[in-house]
Amino acid sequence: MKRPGMRRTLMVLTAALLLVALGSGCTKYASEEDLQNLERQKQAALSAEKKVEQLKAEKSDLEKTVAQKEAELQKVEAEKVAVTERKQQKMEMMQGDDAMMGAKDEKKMKDNMKGDK
């Protein structure tokens, strides 16, 4: 007479051995080519990350330059407006002077005409 517990233990041990044998035989290790490809991909990723950081720094520099140029443009435009206003005032003053000169010349001409009589 066989013992039922022994049979069950034997089945469990057989299943365990079968799983260990199949599990260890199916493990695939990376080949040298796979390792080289992985290293190339790693280097490419690191290079891309460095390039991204470079481009971010360049973008930041360019944004600062644009801000400086915009501030300079506003300053120059304000100066242009001021110069235009001064020019306009000067023109108005010159026209006023011309009008005053014209009145003086007219008075002189009248005086000269009276003196000729």
Protein backbone atom coordinates (compact mmCIF):
# COMPACT_ATOMS: atom_id res chain seq x y z
CA MET A 1 0.00 0.00 0.00
CA LYS A 2 1.33 3.35 -1.03
CA ARG A 3 0.98 6.42 1.01
CA PRO A 4 -1.12 9.23 -0.54
CA GLY A 5 1.07 11.96 1.04
CA MET A 6 4.18 10.54 -0.56
CA ARG A 7 2.64 10.59 -3.99
CA ARG A 8 1.60 14.16 -3.59
CA THR A 9 5.07 15.20 -2.38
CA LEU A 10 6.68 13.41 -5.33
CA MET A 11 4.40 15.25 -7.77
CA VAL A 12 5.19 18.62 -6.19
CA LEU A 13 8.93 17.91 -6.29
CA THR A 14 8.74 16.77 -9.92
CA ALA A 15 6.81 19.91 -10.89
CA ALA A 16 9.32 22.09 -9.04
CA LEU A 17 12.28 20.40 -10.75
CA LEU A 18 10.58 20.74 -14.13
CA LEU A 19 9.96 24.46 -13.55
CA VAL A 20 13.55 25.04 -12.43
CA ALA A 21 14.92 23.16 -15.44
CA LEU A 22 12.69 25.01 -17.90
CA GLY A 23 13.16 28.38 -16.22
CA SER A 24 16.95 28.28 -16.19
CA GLY A 25 17.21 26.94 -19.73
CA CYS A 26 15.04 29.72 -21.22
CA THR A 27 16.93 32.63 -19.74
CA LYS A 28 18.44 34.66 -22.55
CA TYR A 29 21.54 36.63 -21.84
CA ALA A 30 22.37 39.72 -23.84
CA SER A 31 24.78 39.09 -26.66
CA GLU A 32 27.83 41.27 -27.24
CA GLU A 33 26.00 42.92 -30.14
CA ASP A 34 23.02 43.68 -27.90
CA LEU A 35 25.32 45.24 -25.31
CA GLN A 36 27.03 47.36 -27.99
CA ASN A 37 23.66 48.54 -29.34
CA LEU A 38 22.55 49.38 -25.83
CA GLU A 39 25.75 51.37 -25.21
CA ARG A 40 25.30 53.26 -28.51
CA GLN A 41 21.73 54.10 -27.57
CA LYS A 42 22.86 55.26 -24.15
CA GLN A 43 25.53 57.51 -25.71
CA ALA A 44 23.01 58.88 -28.22
CA ALA A 45 20.58 59.67 -25.40
CA LEU A 46 23.29 61.43 -23.38
CA SER A 47 24.36 63.39 -26.44
CA ALA A 48 20.76 64.41 -27.14
CA GLU A 49 20.31 65.55 -23.54
CA LYS A 50 23.48 67.67 -23.78
CA LYS A 51 22.23 69.16 -27.05
CA VAL A 52 18.88 70.00 -25.42
CA GLU A 53 20.66 71.79 -22.57
CA GLN A 54 22.84 73.65 -25.09
CA LEU A 55 19.81 74.74 -27.07
CA LYS A 56 17.98 75.83 -23.92
CA ALA A 57 20.96 78.00 -22.94
CA GLU A 58 21.14 79.43 -26.46
CA LYS A 59 17.40 80.17 -26.41
CA SER A 60 17.77 81.93 -23.07
CA ASP A 61 20.63 84.05 -24.44
CA LEU A 62 18.63 84.93 -27.53
CA GLU A 63 15.58 85.88 -25.46
CA LYS A 64 17.78 88.20 -23.36
CA THR A 65 19.20 89.74 -26.55
CA VAL A 66 15.69 90.27 -27.94
CA ALA A 67 14.59 91.93 -24.69
CA GLN A 68 17.64 94.22 -24.79
CA LYS A 69 17.01 95.12 -28.43
CA GLU A 70 13.33 95.84 -27.74
CA ALA A 71 14.28 98.12 -24.84
CA GLU A 72 16.83 99.86 -27.07
CA LEU A 73 14.20 100.26 -29.79
CA GLN A 74 11.74 101.85 -27.35
CA LYS A 75 14.45 104.23 -26.17
CA VAL A 76 15.34 105.22 -29.75
CA GLU A 77 11.67 105.67 -30.67
CA ALA A 78 11.15 107.91 -27.64
CA GLU A 79 14.22 109.91 -28.64
CA LYS A 80 12.87 110.21 -32.19
CA VAL A 81 9.57 111.58 -30.87
CA ALA A 82 11.43 114.10 -28.69
CA VAL A 83 13.59 115.23 -31.64
CA THR A 84 10.52 115.57 -33.85
CA GLU A 85 8.79 117.68 -31.19
CA ARG A 86 11.85 119.92 -30.77
CA LYS A 87 12.09 120.32 -34.53
CA GLN A 88 8.41 121.27 -34.72
CA GLN A 89 8.84 123.81 -31.91
CA LYS A 90 11.87 125.28 -33.64
CA MET A 91 9.96 125.55 -36.92
CA GLU A 92 7.09 127.30 -35.13
CA MET A 93 9.53 129.70 -33.48
CA MET A 94 11.18 130.44 -36.82
CA GLN A 95 7.80 131.10 -38.41
CA GLY A 96 6.94 133.42 -35.54
CA ASP A 97 10.27 135.21 -35.98
CA ASP A 98 9.63 135.52 -39.71
CA ALA A 99 6.25 137.05 -38.99
CA MET A 100 7.82 139.50 -36.55
CA MET A 101 10.53 140.34 -39.05
CA GLY A 102 7.91 140.85 -41.70
CA ALA A 103 6.06 143.29 -39.43
CA LYS A 104 9.29 145.18 -38.70
CA ASP A 105 10.14 145.31 -42.41
CA GLU A 106 6.65 146.53 -43.17
CA LYS A 107 6.96 149.26 -40.53
CA LYS A 108 10.37 150.31 -41.94
CA MET A 109 8.92 150.48 -45.42
CA LYS A 110 6.05 152.67 -44.18
CA ASP A 111 8.48 154.91 -42.31
CA ASN A 112 10.63 155.20 -45.42
CA MET A 113 7.61 156.08 -47.49
CA LYS A 114 6.61 158.83 -45.03
CA GLY A 115 10.14 160.13 -45.09
CA ASP A 116 10.12 160.31 -48.90
CA LYS A 117 7.07 162.53 -48.90
